[in-house]
C-alpha atoms as a PDB file:
ATOM      1  CA  UNK A   1      -0.369   0.532   0.077  1.00  0.00           C
ATOM      2  CA  UNK A   2       1.393   3.776  -0.339  1.00  0.00           C
ATOM      3  CA  UNK A   3       1.608   6.518   1.268  1.00  0.00           C
ATOM      4  CA  UNK A   4      -1.703   7.936  -0.912  1.00  0.00           C
ATOM      5  CA  UNK A   5      -3.518   5.768  -1.469  1.00  0.00           C
ATOM      6  CA  UNK A   6      -3.363   5.301   2.942  1.00  0.00           C
ATOM      7  CA  UNK A   7      -3.832   9.036   3.319  1.00  0.00           C
ATOM      8  CA  UNK A   8      -6.616   8.599   0.341  1.00  0.00           C
ATOM      9  CA  UNK A   9      -8.485   5.871   3.167  1.00  0.00           C
ATOM     10  CA  UNK A  10      -7.814   7.795   6.424  1.00  0.00           C
ATOM     11  CA  UNK A  11      -9.451  10.570   5.032  1.00  0.00           C
ATOM     12  CA  UNK A  12     -12.797   8.922   3.376  1.00  0.00           C
ATOM     13  CA  UNK A  13     -12.646   6.686   7.443  1.00  0.00           C
ATOM     14  CA  UNK A  14     -12.110  10.637   8.539  1.00  0.00           C
ATOM     15  CA  UNK A  15     -15.051  11.585   6.242  1.00  0.00           C
ATOM     16  CA  UNK A  16     -18.148   9.007   6.692  1.00  0.00           C
ATOM     17  CA  UNK A  17     -17.100  10.185  10.571  1.00  0.00           C
ATOM     18  CA  UNK A  18     -17.614  13.265  10.134  1.00  0.00           C
ATOM     19  CA  UNK A  19     -20.447  12.843   8.017  1.00  0.00           C
ATOM     20  CA  UNK A  20     -22.125  10.867  10.683  1.00  0.00           C
ATOM     21  CA  UNK A  21     -21.677  13.004  13.440  1.00  0.00           C
ATOM     22  CA  UNK A  22     -23.260  15.828  11.260  1.00  0.00           C
ATOM     23  CA  UNK A  23     -26.333  13.644  10.738  1.00  0.00           C
ATOM     24  CA  UNK A  24     -26.755  12.158  13.926  1.00  0.00           C
ATOM     25  CA  UNK A  25     -27.011  16.110  15.004  1.00  0.00           C
ATOM     26  CA  UNK A  26     -29.154  16.479  12.325  1.00  0.00           C
ATOM     27  CA  UNK A  27     -31.659  13.253  13.912  1.00  0.00           C
ATOM     28  CA  UNK A  28     -30.783  14.173  17.787  1.00  0.00           C
ATOM     29  CA  UNK A  29     -32.096  18.039  16.083  1.00  0.00           C
ATOM     30  CA  UNK A  30     -35.158  16.218  14.249  1.00  0.00           C
ATOM     31  CA  UNK A  31     -35.834  13.851  18.131  1.00  0.00           C
ATOM     32  CA  UNK A  32     -36.343  17.414  20.021  1.00  0.00           C
ATOM     33  CA  UNK A  33     -38.754  18.440  17.661  1.00  0.00           C
ATOM     34  CA  UNK A  34     -40.743  15.206  17.823  1.00  0.00           C
ATOM     35  CA  UNK A  35     -40.086  15.745  21.955  1.00  0.00           C
ATOM     36  CA  UNK A  36     -42.054  19.005  21.785  1.00  0.00           C
ATOM     37  CA  UNK A  37     -44.734  18.103  19.487  1.00  0.00           C
ATOM     38  CA  UNK A  38     -45.520  15.164  21.925  1.00  0.00           C
ATOM     39  CA  UNK A  39     -45.219  17.988  24.584  1.00  0.00           C
ATOM     40  CA  UNK A  40     -47.777  20.247  23.677  1.00  0.00           C
ATOM     41  CA  UNK A  41     -50.114  17.538  22.788  1.00  0.00           C
ATOM     42  CA  UNK A  42     -50.225  16.007  26.565  1.00  0.00           C
ATOM     43  CA  UNK A  43     -50.374  20.135  27.606  1.00  0.00           C
ATOM     44  CA  UNK A  44     -53.343  20.798  25.675  1.00  0.00           C
ATOM     45  CA  UNK A  45     -54.760  16.981  26.565  1.00  0.00           C
ATOM     46  CA  UNK A  46     -53.997  17.607  29.923  1.00  0.00           C
ATOM     47  CA  UNK A  47     -55.479  20.981  29.991  1.00  0.00           C
ATOM     48  CA  UNK A  48     -58.659  20.135  28.594  1.00  0.00           C
ATOM     49  CA  UNK A  49     -59.401  17.389  31.486  1.00  0.00           C
ATOM     50  CA  UNK A  50     -58.750  19.771  34.046  1.00  0.00           C
ATOM     51  CA  UNK A  51     -61.091  21.962  32.891  1.00  0.00           C
ATOM     52  CA  UNK A  52     -63.331  19.048  32.401  1.00  0.00           C
ATOM     53  CA  UNK A  53     -63.197  18.403  36.458  1.00  0.00           C
ATOM     54  CA  UNK A  54     -63.725  22.440  36.709  1.00  0.00           C
ATOM     55  CA  UNK A  55     -60.364  22.848  37.128  1.00  0.00           C
ATOM     56  CA  UNK A  56     -57.665  24.873  35.287  1.00  0.00           C
ATOM     57  CA  UNK A  57     -54.353  24.041  34.392  1.00  0.00           C
ATOM     58  CA  UNK A  58     -51.104  27.022  34.895  1.00  0.00           C
ATOM     59  CA  UNK A  59     -49.243  28.252  32.583  1.00  0.00           C
ATOM     60  CA  UNK A  60     -50.141  25.334  30.248  1.00  0.00           C
ATOM     61  CA  UNK A  61     -51.102  27.843  27.187  1.00  0.00           C
ATOM     62  CA  UNK A  62     -48.096  29.545  27.844  1.00  0.00           C
ATOM     63  CA  UNK A  63     -45.957  26.382  27.827  1.00  0.00           C
ATOM     64  CA  UNK A  64     -47.224  25.276  24.575  1.00  0.00           C
ATOM     65  CA  UNK A  65     -46.299  27.754  23.326  1.00  0.00           C
ATOM     66  CA  UNK A  66     -42.375  27.724  24.117  1.00  0.00           C
ATOM     67  CA  UNK A  67     -42.864  24.287  22.541  1.00  0.00           C
ATOM     68  CA  UNK A  68     -44.403  25.665  19.299  1.00  0.00           C
ATOM     69  CA  UNK A  69     -41.427  27.942  18.954  1.00  0.00           C
ATOM     70  CA  UNK A  70     -38.979  24.730  19.949  1.00  0.00           C
ATOM     71  CA  UNK A  71     -40.495  22.373  17.674  1.00  0.00           C
ATOM     72  CA  UNK A  72     -40.161  24.436  14.617  1.00  0.00           C
ATOM     73  CA  UNK A  73     -36.872  26.227  15.082  1.00  0.00           C
ATOM     74  CA  UNK A  74     -35.358  22.433  16.403  1.00  0.00           C
ATOM     75  CA  UNK A  75     -37.344  21.052  13.012  1.00  0.00           C
ATOM     76  CA  UNK A  76     -35.640  23.239  10.833  1.00  0.00           C
ATOM     77  CA  UNK A  77     -32.661  21.434  10.113  1.00  0.00           C
ATOM     78  CA  UNK A  78     -33.730  18.103   9.385  1.00  0.00           C
ATOM     79  CA  UNK A  79     -36.125  19.262   6.979  1.00  0.00           C
ATOM     80  CA  UNK A  80     -33.328  21.375   5.420  1.00  0.00           C
ATOM     81  CA  UNK A  81     -31.488  17.511   4.752  1.00  0.00           C
ATOM     82  CA  UNK A  82     -34.482  16.448   3.609  1.00  0.00           C
ATOM     83  CA  UNK A  83     -35.546  19.278   0.408  1.00  0.00           C
ATOM     84  CA  UNK A  84     -38.872  19.903   2.939  1.00  0.00           C
ATOM     85  CA  UNK A  85     -38.117  24.145   2.674  1.00  0.00           C
ATOM     86  CA  UNK A  86     -40.545  25.636   0.191  1.00  0.00           C
ATOM     87  CA  UNK A  87     -37.848  27.474  -1.802  1.00  0.00           C
ATOM     88  CA  UNK A  88     -38.871  29.548  -4.822  1.00  0.00           C
ATOM     89  CA  UNK A  89     -36.855  28.397  -7.868  1.00  0.00           C
ATOM     90  CA  UNK A  90     -38.786  30.190 -10.839  1.00  0.00           C
ATOM     91  CA  UNK A  91     -34.781  32.088 -11.463  1.00  0.00           C
ATOM     92  CA  UNK A  92     -33.081  28.923 -10.528  1.00  0.00           C
ATOM     93  CA  UNK A  93     -34.850  26.281 -12.366  1.00  0.00           C
ATOM     94  CA  UNK A  94     -34.605  28.176 -15.781  1.00  0.00           C
ATOM     95  CA  UNK A  95     -31.056  28.736 -15.500  1.00  0.00           C
ATOM     96  CA  UNK A  96     -28.655  26.847 -17.310  1.00  0.00           C
ATOM     97  CA  UNK A  97     -27.127  24.231 -14.873  1.00  0.00           C
ATOM     98  CA  UNK A  98     -23.164  26.361 -14.109  1.00  0.00           C
ATOM     99  CA  UNK A  99     -25.486  29.409 -13.492  1.00  0.00           C
ATOM    100  CA  UNK A 100     -27.833  27.204 -11.793  1.00  0.00           C
ATOM    101  CA  UNK A 101     -24.040  26.093  -9.465  1.00  0.00           C
ATOM    102  CA  UNK A 102     -23.682  29.392  -8.981  1.00  0.00           C
ATOM    103  CA  UNK A 103     -27.151  30.545  -7.663  1.00  0.00           C
ATOM    104  CA  UNK A 104     -27.873  27.425  -5.187  1.00  0.00           C
ATOM    105  CA  UNK A 105     -24.386  28.794  -3.997  1.00  0.00           C
ATOM    106  CA  UNK A 106     -25.850  32.066  -2.962  1.00  0.00           C
ATOM    107  CA  UNK A 107     -29.102  31.410  -2.194  1.00  0.00           C
ATOM    108  CA  UNK A 108     -27.572  29.046   0.435  1.00  0.00           C
ATOM    109  CA  UNK A 109     -24.785  31.838   1.209  1.00  0.00           C
ATOM    110  CA  UNK A 110     -27.069  34.137   1.905  1.00  0.00           C
ATOM    111  CA  UNK A 111     -29.092  31.590   4.013  1.00  0.00           C
ATOM    112  CA  UNK A 112     -26.048  30.533   5.540  1.00  0.00           C
ATOM    113  CA  UNK A 113     -25.353  34.539   6.789  1.00  0.00           C
ATOM    114  CA  UNK A 114     -29.436  34.882   7.911  1.00  0.00           C
ATOM    115  CA  UNK A 115     -28.440  32.340  10.068  1.00  0.00           C
ATOM    116  CA  UNK A 116     -25.417  32.807  11.468  1.00  0.00           C
ATOM    117  CA  UNK A 117     -26.697  36.227  12.639  1.00  0.00           C
ATOM    118  CA  UNK A 118     -29.768  34.879  13.969  1.00  0.00           C
ATOM    119  CA  UNK A 119     -27.488  32.413  16.740  1.00  0.00           C
ATOM    120  CA  UNK A 120     -26.130  35.050  17.049  1.00  0.00           C
ATOM    121  CA  UNK A 121     -28.101  37.499  18.433  1.00  0.00           C
ATOM    122  CA  UNK A 122     -30.488  34.178  19.973  1.00  0.00           C
ATOM    123  CA  UNK A 123     -26.744  33.439  21.864  1.00  0.00           C
ATOM    124  CA  UNK A 124     -26.446  36.801  22.931  1.00  0.00           C
ATOM    125  CA  UNK A 125     -30.531  37.187  24.136  1.00  0.00           C
ATOM    126  CA  UNK A 126     -30.143  33.178  26.469  1.00  0.00           C
ATOM    127  CA  UNK A 127     -26.338  34.864  28.001  1.00  0.00           C
ATOM    128  CA  UNK A 128     -28.656  37.872  28.686  1.00  0.00           C
ATOM    129  CA  UNK A 129     -31.434  36.186  29.837  1.00  0.00           C
ATOM    130  CA  UNK A 130     -29.615  33.659  31.968  1.00  0.00           C
ATOM    131  CA  UNK A 131     -26.860  36.204  33.519  1.00  0.00           C
ATOM    132  CA  UNK A 132     -30.197  38.458  34.751  1.00  0.00           C
ATOM    133  CA  UNK A 133     -31.746  34.897  35.955  1.00  0.00           C
ATOM    134  CA  UNK A 134     -35.167  36.844  33.508  1.00  0.00           C
ATOM    135  CA  UNK A 135     -37.941  34.697  34.045  1.00  0.00           C
ATOM    136  CA  UNK A 136     -40.735  34.789  32.052  1.00  0.00           C
ATOM    137  CA  UNK A 137     -44.179  37.042  33.187  1.00  0.00           C
ATOM    138  CA  UNK A 138     -47.578  34.174  34.352  1.00  0.00           C
ATOM    139  CA  UNK A 139     -47.782  31.919  37.057  1.00  0.00           C
ATOM    140  CA  UNK A 140     -45.330  29.839  36.609  1.00  0.00           C
ATOM    141  CA  UNK A 141     -41.845  31.640  36.709  1.00  0.00           C
ATOM    142  CA  UNK A 142     -39.762  29.982  33.509  1.00  0.00           C
ATOM    143  CA  UNK A 143     -36.115  30.680  33.006  1.00  0.00           C
ATOM    144  CA  UNK A 144     -36.062  32.060  29.880  1.00  0.00           C
ATOM    145  CA  UNK A 145     -33.001  31.198  28.335  1.00  0.00           C
ATOM    146  CA  UNK A 146     -34.602  27.163  28.726  1.00  0.00           C
ATOM    147  CA  UNK A 147     -37.099  28.361  25.684  1.00  0.00           C
ATOM    148  CA  UNK A 148     -34.572  31.030  24.133  1.00  0.00           C
ATOM    149  CA  UNK A 149     -31.653  27.754  23.953  1.00  0.00           C
ATOM    150  CA  UNK A 150     -34.119  26.129  21.322  1.00  0.00           C
ATOM    151  CA  UNK A 151     -34.048  29.450  18.813  1.00  0.00           C
ATOM    152  CA  UNK A 152     -29.896  29.239  20.014  1.00  0.00           C
ATOM    153  CA  UNK A 153     -29.754  25.444  19.139  1.00  0.00           C
ATOM    154  CA  UNK A 154     -32.404  25.569  16.032  1.00  0.00           C
ATOM    155  CA  UNK A 155     -30.302  28.436  14.269  1.00  0.00           C
ATOM    156  CA  UNK A 156     -27.346  26.871  15.327  1.00  0.00           C
ATOM    157  CA  UNK A 157     -27.445  23.449  13.394  1.00  0.00           C
ATOM    158  CA  UNK A 158     -29.657  24.792  10.781  1.00  0.00           C
ATOM    159  CA  UNK A 159     -26.331  27.058   9.544  1.00  0.00           C
ATOM    160  CA  UNK A 160     -23.585  24.065   9.944  1.00  0.00           C
ATOM    161  CA  UNK A 161     -27.026  22.050   7.505  1.00  0.00           C
ATOM    162  CA  UNK A 162     -26.147  25.450   5.629  1.00  0.00           C
ATOM    163  CA  UNK A 163     -23.235  24.673   5.485  1.00  0.00           C
ATOM    164  CA  UNK A 164     -23.010  21.219   4.784  1.00  0.00           C
ATOM    165  CA  UNK A 165     -24.979  22.045   2.006  1.00  0.00           C
ATOM    166  CA  UNK A 166     -22.843  24.433   0.750  1.00  0.00           C
ATOM    167  CA  UNK A 167     -20.016  22.052   1.208  1.00  0.00           C
ATOM    168  CA  UNK A 168     -20.702  19.821  -0.650  1.00  0.00           C
ATOM    169  CA  UNK A 169     -22.525  21.381  -3.636  1.00  0.00           C
ATOM    170  CA  UNK A 170     -18.628  22.977  -4.040  1.00  0.00           C
ATOM    171  CA  UNK A 171     -17.739  19.563  -3.442  1.00  0.00           C
ATOM    172  CA  UNK A 172     -19.715  18.562  -6.947  1.00  0.00           C
ATOM    173  CA  UNK A 173     -22.881  17.560  -5.453  1.00  0.00           C
ATOM    174  CA  UNK A 174     -26.148  18.709  -7.954  1.00  0.00           C
ATOM    175  CA  UNK A 175     -28.328  21.333  -6.675  1.00  0.00           C
ATOM    176  CA  UNK A 176     -31.599  19.677  -5.008  1.00  0.00           C
ATOM    177  CA  UNK A 177     -34.260  19.563  -6.416  1.00  0.00           C
ATOM    178  CA  UNK A 178     -37.171  20.533  -4.882  1.00  0.00           C
ATOM    179  CA  UNK A 179     -41.121  19.209  -5.719  1.00  0.00           C
END
C-alpha cells in the first residue's frame, strides 16, 4: 500500500465519521422537535382533562407556546436535509447548469449569513437571560433562557446544515431538486 492510498482511505474514514456526526446532530435536533410536539399534545390534553374536572392547569398555554417555537426551530435542520423547506425556484430552475450551481450557492450563502446572525443574537439573548436570571411573567416563572435556547440550538444547527449543503455543492453534489 502506498502512502497516498493510505491517506486517501484515512480521509474517507474521516469523511464518513464526520458525515455520521452531522447526520446524528440533525437526527437529535429532529428528535427534540418531535419531543416538543409530544409535549404540546400532552399539555393540551392535560388542560382539557383539567377543565373537564372544573380545574385550571396554570401556564399550560405559555408552556405549549414555548414548545411550538422549539418544535419549529429544532425541526429546521432536518427539514433542510430532507429538502422539505418551501422554496421559490422560478429563476433557478430556468438557469443553465453552471449558473444554476452559482445561484444555488448564492441562496445558501444568504441563508447561512441570516442563520449565523440569528444564532449570534439568540446566543446574546440567552446569555443575557441567564446572567440576569430573567423569568417569564405569568403564574409559572420559567427561566427565559430555556425556551430561548431552543431558538439558538435550532438556528445554529440550521447554520451547520446550510454550511454542509454549501460544502457538498462545492464538492460536486448536484443542486437539490425540490418538487
